[in-house]
Amino acid sequence: MKNLQKSLLVLFCLFSLSIASGCCALACDSPNNYTCESAFGGSAEPFAEKTGYKYKIKNGKRYKRLWSYTKQQWIWPEWVLA
């Protein structure tokens, strides 16, 4: 029983330390800034890129194209039928 309590206490301490170090490591200037400076001199970027479809209608047909809001550029090279 004491071994289980010690193991749980160690896991709790490790978990607490990992959360505390992750919270204090980054400092962003604004919510629209996609790169954040680290307390250790590096930078961090979000894992997921923000994307969305842009649509247009040409000759009565609906076309779509994938746009990257993170990089402000097209991901798909051409328009395809939606």
N, C-alpha and C. Protein backbone atom coordinates (compact mmCIF):
# COMPACT_ATOMS: atom_id res chain seq x y z
N MET A 1 0.81 -1.20 0.00
CA MET A 1 0.00 0.00 0.00
C MET A 1 0.86 1.27 0.00
N LYS A 2 1.97 1.23 0.78
CA LYS A 2 2.84 2.39 0.84
C LYS A 2 3.54 2.61 -0.50
N ASN A 3 3.86 1.53 -1.21
CA ASN A 3 4.49 1.66 -2.52
C ASN A 3 3.54 2.34 -3.52
N LEU A 4 2.27 2.01 -3.44
CA LEU A 4 1.27 2.63 -4.33
C LEU A 4 1.14 4.12 -4.03
N GLN A 5 1.12 4.46 -2.75
CA GLN A 5 1.02 5.87 -2.36
C GLN A 5 2.25 6.64 -2.81
N LYS A 6 3.43 6.07 -2.68
CA LYS A 6 4.66 6.73 -3.11
C LYS A 6 4.66 6.91 -4.63
N SER A 7 4.22 5.89 -5.35
CA SER A 7 4.18 5.97 -6.80
C SER A 7 3.23 7.06 -7.26
N LEU A 8 2.05 7.12 -6.65
CA LEU A 8 1.08 8.15 -7.01
C LEU A 8 1.61 9.54 -6.67
N LEU A 9 2.30 9.69 -5.56
CA LEU A 9 2.86 10.98 -5.17
C LEU A 9 3.94 11.41 -6.17
N VAL A 10 4.79 10.49 -6.58
CA VAL A 10 5.83 10.80 -7.56
C VAL A 10 5.20 11.21 -8.89
N LEU A 11 4.20 10.47 -9.35
CA LEU A 11 3.53 10.81 -10.60
C LEU A 11 2.86 12.18 -10.52
N PHE A 12 2.24 12.48 -9.40
CA PHE A 12 1.60 13.78 -9.22
C PHE A 12 2.64 14.90 -9.27
N CYS A 13 3.77 14.71 -8.63
CA CYS A 13 4.83 15.73 -8.64
C CYS A 13 5.38 15.94 -10.05
N LEU A 14 5.62 14.85 -10.77
CA LEU A 14 6.13 14.97 -12.14
C LEU A 14 5.12 15.68 -13.04
N PHE A 15 3.86 15.34 -12.89
CA PHE A 15 2.80 15.97 -13.69
C PHE A 15 2.72 17.46 -13.38
N SER A 16 2.81 17.81 -12.10
CA SER A 16 2.74 19.22 -11.70
C SER A 16 3.92 20.01 -12.25
N LEU A 17 5.10 19.43 -12.22
CA LEU A 17 6.28 20.11 -12.75
C LEU A 17 6.21 20.29 -14.25
N SER A 18 5.68 19.31 -14.96
CA SER A 18 5.61 19.42 -16.42
C SER A 18 4.61 20.51 -16.84
N ILE A 19 3.51 20.65 -16.12
CA ILE A 19 2.54 21.69 -16.44
C ILE A 19 3.10 23.07 -16.09
N ALA A 20 3.74 23.19 -14.95
CA ALA A 20 4.27 24.48 -14.52
C ALA A 20 5.36 24.98 -15.46
N SER A 21 6.21 24.09 -15.94
CA SER A 21 7.29 24.53 -16.83
C SER A 21 6.73 24.90 -18.20
N GLY A 22 5.68 24.25 -18.67
CA GLY A 22 5.09 24.57 -19.96
C GLY A 22 4.35 25.88 -19.97
N CYS A 23 3.75 26.24 -18.86
CA CYS A 23 2.98 27.49 -18.79
C CYS A 23 3.88 28.71 -18.79
N CYS A 24 5.01 28.62 -18.19
CA CYS A 24 5.88 29.79 -18.04
C CYS A 24 6.88 29.94 -19.18
N ALA A 25 6.96 28.98 -20.09
CA ALA A 25 8.01 28.99 -21.10
C ALA A 25 7.73 29.96 -22.24
N LEU A 26 6.46 30.26 -22.56
CA LEU A 26 6.14 31.08 -23.72
C LEU A 26 5.54 32.42 -23.32
N ALA A 27 5.85 33.42 -24.12
CA ALA A 27 5.27 34.74 -23.91
C ALA A 27 4.92 35.33 -25.27
N CYS A 28 3.63 35.49 -25.56
CA CYS A 28 3.19 36.02 -26.85
C CYS A 28 2.81 37.49 -26.69
N ASP A 29 3.09 38.27 -27.73
CA ASP A 29 2.74 39.69 -27.69
C ASP A 29 1.25 39.90 -27.93
N SER A 30 0.69 39.19 -28.90
CA SER A 30 -0.72 39.38 -29.22
C SER A 30 -1.31 38.06 -29.68
N PRO A 31 -2.64 37.91 -29.65
CA PRO A 31 -3.24 36.66 -30.08
C PRO A 31 -3.08 36.41 -31.58
N ASN A 32 -2.82 37.44 -32.38
CA ASN A 32 -2.64 37.26 -33.81
C ASN A 32 -1.20 36.94 -34.18
N ASN A 33 -0.31 36.97 -33.21
CA ASN A 33 1.10 36.66 -33.46
C ASN A 33 1.26 35.15 -33.43
N TYR A 34 1.65 34.55 -34.54
CA TYR A 34 1.72 33.11 -34.63
C TYR A 34 3.03 32.53 -34.09
N THR A 35 4.03 33.34 -33.87
CA THR A 35 5.26 32.86 -33.27
C THR A 35 5.41 33.49 -31.90
N CYS A 36 5.82 32.70 -30.95
CA CYS A 36 5.96 33.15 -29.58
C CYS A 36 7.41 32.98 -29.15
N GLU A 37 7.92 33.96 -28.45
CA GLU A 37 9.29 33.87 -27.95
C GLU A 37 9.31 33.02 -26.69
N SER A 38 10.30 32.18 -26.58
CA SER A 38 10.45 31.31 -25.43
C SER A 38 11.32 31.99 -24.38
N ALA A 39 11.14 31.58 -23.15
CA ALA A 39 11.98 32.10 -22.08
C ALA A 39 13.42 31.62 -22.24
N PHE A 40 13.62 30.59 -23.05
CA PHE A 40 14.95 30.01 -23.24
C PHE A 40 15.60 30.49 -24.53
N GLY A 41 15.01 31.47 -25.21
CA GLY A 41 15.64 32.05 -26.39
C GLY A 41 15.15 31.49 -27.71
N GLY A 42 14.37 30.44 -27.74
CA GLY A 42 13.86 29.87 -28.99
C GLY A 42 12.50 30.43 -29.32
N SER A 43 11.85 29.85 -30.29
CA SER A 43 10.49 30.27 -30.62
C SER A 43 9.63 29.04 -30.81
N ALA A 44 8.32 29.21 -30.69
CA ALA A 44 7.38 28.11 -30.83
C ALA A 44 6.29 28.52 -31.80
N GLU A 45 5.80 27.56 -32.58
CA GLU A 45 4.71 27.80 -33.51
C GLU A 45 3.60 26.80 -33.23
N PRO A 46 2.37 27.14 -33.58
CA PRO A 46 1.28 26.20 -33.35
C PRO A 46 1.45 24.97 -34.21
N PHE A 47 0.94 23.84 -33.74
CA PHE A 47 1.07 22.59 -34.47
C PHE A 47 0.14 22.56 -35.68
N ALA A 48 -1.06 23.03 -35.53
CA ALA A 48 -2.04 22.95 -36.60
C ALA A 48 -2.08 24.24 -37.40
N GLU A 49 -2.11 24.10 -38.70
CA GLU A 49 -2.22 25.26 -39.58
C GLU A 49 -3.70 25.58 -39.75
N LYS A 50 -4.04 26.85 -39.73
CA LYS A 50 -5.43 27.25 -39.92
C LYS A 50 -5.71 27.34 -41.42
N THR A 51 -6.67 26.54 -41.88
CA THR A 51 -7.00 26.50 -43.30
C THR A 51 -8.50 26.63 -43.48
N GLY A 52 -8.90 26.94 -44.70
CA GLY A 52 -10.31 27.02 -45.03
C GLY A 52 -10.48 27.08 -46.54
N TYR A 53 -11.69 26.79 -46.98
CA TYR A 53 -11.98 26.80 -48.41
C TYR A 53 -12.46 28.18 -48.85
N LYS A 54 -12.02 28.58 -50.03
CA LYS A 54 -12.54 29.77 -50.69
C LYS A 54 -13.38 29.26 -51.86
N TYR A 55 -14.53 29.88 -52.08
CA TYR A 55 -15.44 29.44 -53.14
C TYR A 55 -15.64 30.53 -54.17
N LYS A 56 -15.94 30.10 -55.41
CA LYS A 56 -16.33 31.04 -56.46
C LYS A 56 -17.28 30.30 -57.40
N ILE A 57 -18.11 31.07 -58.07
CA ILE A 57 -19.03 30.51 -59.06
C ILE A 57 -18.64 31.06 -60.42
N LYS A 58 -18.40 30.14 -61.35
CA LYS A 58 -17.99 30.52 -62.71
C LYS A 58 -18.80 29.67 -63.68
N ASN A 59 -19.51 30.34 -64.60
CA ASN A 59 -20.36 29.68 -65.59
C ASN A 59 -21.39 28.76 -64.93
N GLY A 60 -21.93 29.19 -63.79
CA GLY A 60 -22.96 28.43 -63.10
C GLY A 60 -22.44 27.24 -62.30
N LYS A 61 -21.14 27.04 -62.24
CA LYS A 61 -20.55 25.93 -61.49
C LYS A 61 -19.79 26.49 -60.29
N ARG A 62 -19.89 25.77 -59.17
CA ARG A 62 -19.24 26.20 -57.94
C ARG A 62 -17.87 25.53 -57.82
N TYR A 63 -16.84 26.35 -57.60
CA TYR A 63 -15.48 25.87 -57.46
C TYR A 63 -14.98 26.19 -56.06
N LYS A 64 -14.01 25.37 -55.59
CA LYS A 64 -13.41 25.63 -54.28
C LYS A 64 -11.89 25.47 -54.39
N ARG A 65 -11.21 26.14 -53.44
CA ARG A 65 -9.76 26.10 -53.38
C ARG A 65 -9.35 26.26 -51.92
N LEU A 66 -8.36 25.50 -51.49
CA LEU A 66 -7.94 25.50 -50.09
C LEU A 66 -6.95 26.63 -49.83
N TRP A 67 -7.24 27.46 -48.80
CA TRP A 67 -6.45 28.63 -48.46
C TRP A 67 -5.84 28.44 -47.06
N SER A 68 -4.59 28.83 -46.88
CA SER A 68 -3.92 28.79 -45.58
C SER A 68 -4.01 30.18 -44.95
N TYR A 69 -4.77 30.28 -43.85
CA TYR A 69 -4.86 31.55 -43.13
C TYR A 69 -3.58 31.82 -42.33
N THR A 70 -2.85 30.77 -42.00
CA THR A 70 -1.61 30.93 -41.25
C THR A 70 -0.52 31.55 -42.12
N LYS A 71 -0.34 31.01 -43.34
CA LYS A 71 0.73 31.46 -44.23
C LYS A 71 0.27 32.49 -45.25
N GLN A 72 -1.05 32.74 -45.32
CA GLN A 72 -1.62 33.68 -46.28
C GLN A 72 -1.25 33.33 -47.72
N GLN A 73 -1.47 32.03 -48.07
CA GLN A 73 -1.20 31.59 -49.43
C GLN A 73 -2.09 30.39 -49.76
N TRP A 74 -2.21 30.10 -51.05
CA TRP A 74 -3.01 28.98 -51.50
C TRP A 74 -2.27 27.67 -51.20
N ILE A 75 -3.02 26.67 -50.76
CA ILE A 75 -2.45 25.34 -50.55
C ILE A 75 -2.66 24.50 -51.81
N TRP A 76 -3.87 24.56 -52.36
CA TRP A 76 -4.16 23.85 -53.61
C TRP A 76 -3.71 24.71 -54.78
N PRO A 77 -3.08 24.13 -55.79
CA PRO A 77 -2.57 24.94 -56.90
C PRO A 77 -3.66 25.47 -57.84
N GLU A 78 -4.84 24.84 -57.87
CA GLU A 78 -5.88 25.30 -58.80
C GLU A 78 -7.27 25.09 -58.20
N TRP A 79 -8.26 25.71 -58.84
CA TRP A 79 -9.65 25.59 -58.42
C TRP A 79 -10.20 24.24 -58.89
N VAL A 80 -11.01 23.59 -58.02
CA VAL A 80 -11.65 22.32 -58.37
C VAL A 80 -13.14 22.45 -58.14
N LEU A 81 -13.93 21.60 -58.81
CA LEU A 81 -15.37 21.62 -58.63
C LEU A 81 -15.73 21.22 -57.20
N ALA A 82 -16.66 21.96 -56.64
CA ALA A 82 -17.08 21.68 -55.26
C ALA A 82 -18.19 20.64 -55.24
